[in-house]
Amino acid sequence: MSETEVTLTAIQQAICEFRDARDWRQFHSPKNLSMSIAIEAAELMEHFQWLTTDEATHLARQQGTSRQAIVEELADVLIYCISLADILECDLNEIILDKLAKNRTKYPVGPDYGGLKR
């Protein structure tokens, strides 16, 4: 990681500072944050609704207002996820690495790599 890259911890701190400067922590219950994650995820999905896989991929990769709207919805989802981790007092690095370790065991690389039998 280069010195210019930001850590998950620094991002979480920036989100908390933004929230606290507005006195919004009072509204950040696990219920409200989990609902907000689902709402923002639905807003993200709306950009791709009714598109083919190729159309959706093209839309997400082209520069312009559509891509900007998509990445802003993605950021909203991530901000709410990180906010929920903070309220639940989760260490982001720990919970992500732990889940990846469980997934490695559950989904080992093998003869069906990529979902196709060899």
C-alpha atoms as a PDB file:
ATOM      1  CA  MET A   1       0.000   0.000   0.000  1.00  0.00           C
ATOM      2  CA  SER A   2       1.432   3.397  -0.918  1.00  0.00           C
ATOM      3  CA  GLU A   3       1.526   6.293   1.528  1.00  0.00           C
ATOM      4  CA  THR A   4      -1.226   8.066  -0.419  1.00  0.00           C
ATOM      5  CA  GLU A   5      -3.699   5.208   0.024  1.00  0.00           C
ATOM      6  CA  VAL A   6      -6.215   5.587   2.835  1.00  0.00           C
ATOM      7  CA  THR A   7      -6.863   2.813   5.336  1.00  0.00           C
ATOM      8  CA  LEU A   8     -10.263   1.445   6.301  1.00  0.00           C
ATOM      9  CA  THR A   9      -9.653   2.807   9.787  1.00  0.00           C
ATOM     10  CA  ALA A  10      -9.058   6.321   8.422  1.00  0.00           C
ATOM     11  CA  ILE A  11     -12.212   6.097   6.301  1.00  0.00           C
ATOM     12  CA  GLN A  12     -14.228   4.945   9.312  1.00  0.00           C
ATOM     13  CA  GLN A  13     -12.838   7.844  11.352  1.00  0.00           C
ATOM     14  CA  ALA A  14     -13.765  10.363   8.618  1.00  0.00           C
ATOM     15  CA  ILE A  15     -17.306   8.969   8.457  1.00  0.00           C
ATOM     16  CA  CYS A  16     -17.650   9.205  12.248  1.00  0.00           C
ATOM     17  CA  GLU A  17     -16.337  12.778  12.253  1.00  0.00           C
ATOM     18  CA  PHE A  18     -18.884  13.719   9.556  1.00  0.00           C
ATOM     19  CA  ARG A  19     -21.689  12.055  11.546  1.00  0.00           C
ATOM     20  CA  ASP A  20     -20.661  13.529  14.887  1.00  0.00           C
ATOM     21  CA  ALA A  21     -20.295  17.078  13.513  1.00  0.00           C
ATOM     22  CA  ARG A  22     -24.001  16.889  12.614  1.00  0.00           C
ATOM     23  CA  ASP A  23     -25.117  15.111  15.823  1.00  0.00           C
ATOM     24  CA  TRP A  24     -26.501  12.200  13.789  1.00  0.00           C
ATOM     25  CA  ARG A  25     -25.228   9.360  16.014  1.00  0.00           C
ATOM     26  CA  GLN A  26     -28.550   9.475  17.855  1.00  0.00           C
ATOM     27  CA  PHE A  27     -30.213   8.164  14.683  1.00  0.00           C
ATOM     28  CA  HIS A  28     -27.611   5.484  13.950  1.00  0.00           C
ATOM     29  CA  SER A  29     -29.106   2.422  15.553  1.00  0.00           C
ATOM     30  CA  PRO A  30     -28.377  -1.025  14.078  1.00  0.00           C
ATOM     31  CA  LYS A  31     -32.000  -1.120  12.861  1.00  0.00           C
ATOM     32  CA  ASN A  32     -31.824   2.234  11.099  1.00  0.00           C
ATOM     33  CA  LEU A  33     -28.410   1.612   9.584  1.00  0.00           C
ATOM     34  CA  SER A  34     -29.287  -1.868   8.321  1.00  0.00           C
ATOM     35  CA  MET A  35     -32.445  -0.461   6.745  1.00  0.00           C
ATOM     36  CA  SER A  36     -30.418   2.345   5.161  1.00  0.00           C
ATOM     37  CA  ILE A  37     -28.003  -0.210   3.676  1.00  0.00           C
ATOM     38  CA  ALA A  38     -30.920  -2.038   2.057  1.00  0.00           C
ATOM     39  CA  ILE A  39     -32.482   1.186   0.785  1.00  0.00           C
ATOM     40  CA  GLU A  40     -29.242   2.437  -0.752  1.00  0.00           C
ATOM     41  CA  ALA A  41     -28.543  -1.003  -2.254  1.00  0.00           C
ATOM     42  CA  ALA A  42     -31.969  -0.876  -3.892  1.00  0.00           C
ATOM     43  CA  GLU A  43     -31.174   2.572  -5.298  1.00  0.00           C
ATOM     44  CA  LEU A  44     -27.941   1.134  -6.704  1.00  0.00           C
ATOM     45  CA  MET A  45     -29.786  -1.817  -8.252  1.00  0.00           C
ATOM     46  CA  GLU A  46     -32.304   0.512  -9.849  1.00  0.00           C
ATOM     47  CA  HIS A  47     -29.609   1.757 -12.258  1.00  0.00           C
ATOM     48  CA  PHE A  48     -29.264  -1.759 -13.665  1.00  0.00           C
ATOM     49  CA  GLN A  49     -32.896  -2.853 -13.593  1.00  0.00           C
ATOM     50  CA  TRP A  50     -34.083  -4.374 -16.874  1.00  0.00           C
ATOM     51  CA  LEU A  51     -30.629  -4.209 -18.476  1.00  0.00           C
ATOM     52  CA  THR A  52     -28.819  -7.229 -19.833  1.00  0.00           C
ATOM     53  CA  THR A  53     -25.548  -8.171 -18.169  1.00  0.00           C
ATOM     54  CA  ASP A  54     -23.606  -6.613 -21.043  1.00  0.00           C
ATOM     55  CA  GLU A  55     -25.656  -3.407 -20.952  1.00  0.00           C
ATOM     56  CA  ALA A  56     -25.207  -3.094 -17.200  1.00  0.00           C
ATOM     57  CA  THR A  57     -21.455  -3.644 -17.460  1.00  0.00           C
ATOM     58  CA  HIS A  58     -21.180  -1.044 -20.208  1.00  0.00           C
ATOM     59  CA  LEU A  59     -23.265   1.471 -18.242  1.00  0.00           C
ATOM     60  CA  ALA A  60     -21.115   1.061 -15.139  1.00  0.00           C
ATOM     61  CA  ARG A  61     -17.854   1.450 -17.054  1.00  0.00           C
ATOM     62  CA  GLN A  62     -18.654   4.396 -19.297  1.00  0.00           C
ATOM     63  CA  GLN A  63     -17.737   7.838 -18.045  1.00  0.00           C
ATOM     64  CA  GLY A  64     -20.540  10.303 -17.490  1.00  0.00           C
ATOM     65  CA  THR A  65     -23.534  11.051 -15.339  1.00  0.00           C
ATOM     66  CA  SER A  66     -24.778   7.446 -15.167  1.00  0.00           C
ATOM     67  CA  ARG A  67     -21.471   6.151 -13.843  1.00  0.00           C
ATOM     68  CA  GLN A  68     -21.271   9.056 -11.389  1.00  0.00           C
ATOM     69  CA  ALA A  69     -24.727   8.253 -10.038  1.00  0.00           C
ATOM     70  CA  ILE A  70     -23.805   4.564  -9.721  1.00  0.00           C
ATOM     71  CA  VAL A  71     -20.583   5.197  -7.807  1.00  0.00           C
ATOM     72  CA  GLU A  72     -22.366   7.659  -5.521  1.00  0.00           C
ATOM     73  CA  GLU A  73     -24.960   5.012  -4.636  1.00  0.00           C
ATOM     74  CA  LEU A  74     -22.141   2.515  -4.069  1.00  0.00           C
ATOM     75  CA  ALA A  75     -20.457   5.028  -1.754  1.00  0.00           C
ATOM     76  CA  ASP A  76     -23.730   5.441   0.172  1.00  0.00           C
ATOM     77  CA  VAL A  77     -23.939   1.667   0.689  1.00  0.00           C
ATOM     78  CA  LEU A  78     -20.339   1.521   1.890  1.00  0.00           C
ATOM     79  CA  ILE A  79     -20.744   4.515   4.201  1.00  0.00           C
ATOM     80  CA  TYR A  80     -23.757   2.922   5.877  1.00  0.00           C
ATOM     81  CA  CYS A  81     -21.949  -0.439   6.160  1.00  0.00           C
ATOM     82  CA  ILE A  82     -18.942   1.217   7.779  1.00  0.00           C
ATOM     83  CA  SER A  83     -21.249   3.218  10.060  1.00  0.00           C
ATOM     84  CA  LEU A  84     -22.965   0.019  11.180  1.00  0.00           C
ATOM     85  CA  ALA A  85     -19.602  -1.599  11.883  1.00  0.00           C
ATOM     86  CA  ASP A  86     -18.735   1.385  14.062  1.00  0.00           C
ATOM     87  CA  ILE A  87     -22.002   1.228  16.028  1.00  0.00           C
ATOM     88  CA  LEU A  88     -21.530  -2.539  16.501  1.00  0.00           C
ATOM     89  CA  GLU A  89     -17.920  -1.878  17.580  1.00  0.00           C
ATOM     90  CA  CYS A  90     -16.528  -4.151  14.884  1.00  0.00           C
ATOM     91  CA  ASP A  91     -12.965  -3.980  13.658  1.00  0.00           C
ATOM     92  CA  LEU A  92     -13.417  -3.720   9.875  1.00  0.00           C
ATOM     93  CA  ASN A  93     -10.108  -5.351   9.034  1.00  0.00           C
ATOM     94  CA  GLU A  94     -10.779  -8.225  11.415  1.00  0.00           C
ATOM     95  CA  ILE A  95     -14.333  -9.001  10.338  1.00  0.00           C
ATOM     96  CA  ILE A  96     -13.482  -8.855   6.623  1.00  0.00           C
ATOM     97  CA  LEU A  97     -10.378 -11.031   6.941  1.00  0.00           C
ATOM     98  CA  ASP A  98     -12.215 -13.503   9.207  1.00  0.00           C
ATOM     99  CA  LYS A  99     -15.055 -13.828   6.692  1.00  0.00           C
ATOM    100  CA  LEU A 100     -12.610 -14.327   3.816  1.00  0.00           C
ATOM    101  CA  ALA A 101     -10.908 -17.096   5.796  1.00  0.00           C
ATOM    102  CA  LYS A 102     -14.274 -18.824   6.347  1.00  0.00           C
ATOM    103  CA  ASN A 103     -15.098 -18.446   2.652  1.00  0.00           C
ATOM    104  CA  ARG A 104     -11.750 -20.002   1.673  1.00  0.00           C
ATOM    105  CA  THR A 105     -12.712 -23.076   3.676  1.00  0.00           C
ATOM    106  CA  LYS A 106     -16.279 -23.130   2.412  1.00  0.00           C
ATOM    107  CA  TYR A 107     -15.319 -22.502  -1.235  1.00  0.00           C
ATOM    108  CA  PRO A 108     -11.877 -24.032  -1.844  1.00  0.00           C
ATOM    109  CA  VAL A 109     -10.219 -23.639  -5.224  1.00  0.00           C
ATOM    110  CA  GLY A 110     -10.608 -26.959  -6.921  1.00  0.00           C
ATOM    111  CA  PRO A 111     -11.830 -28.840  -9.967  1.00  0.00           C
ATOM    112  CA  ASP A 112     -14.911 -26.631 -10.273  1.00  0.00           C
ATOM    113  CA  TYR A 113     -12.847 -23.401 -10.366  1.00  0.00           C
ATOM    114  CA  GLY A 114     -15.035 -20.619 -11.759  1.00  0.00           C
ATOM    115  CA  GLY A 115     -18.137 -22.745 -11.354  1.00  0.00           C
ATOM    116  CA  LEU A 116     -17.243 -25.038 -14.272  1.00  0.00           C
ATOM    117  CA  LYS A 117     -16.332 -28.688 -13.909  1.00  0.00           C
ATOM    118  CA  ARG A 118     -13.043 -29.514 -15.587  1.00  0.00           C
END
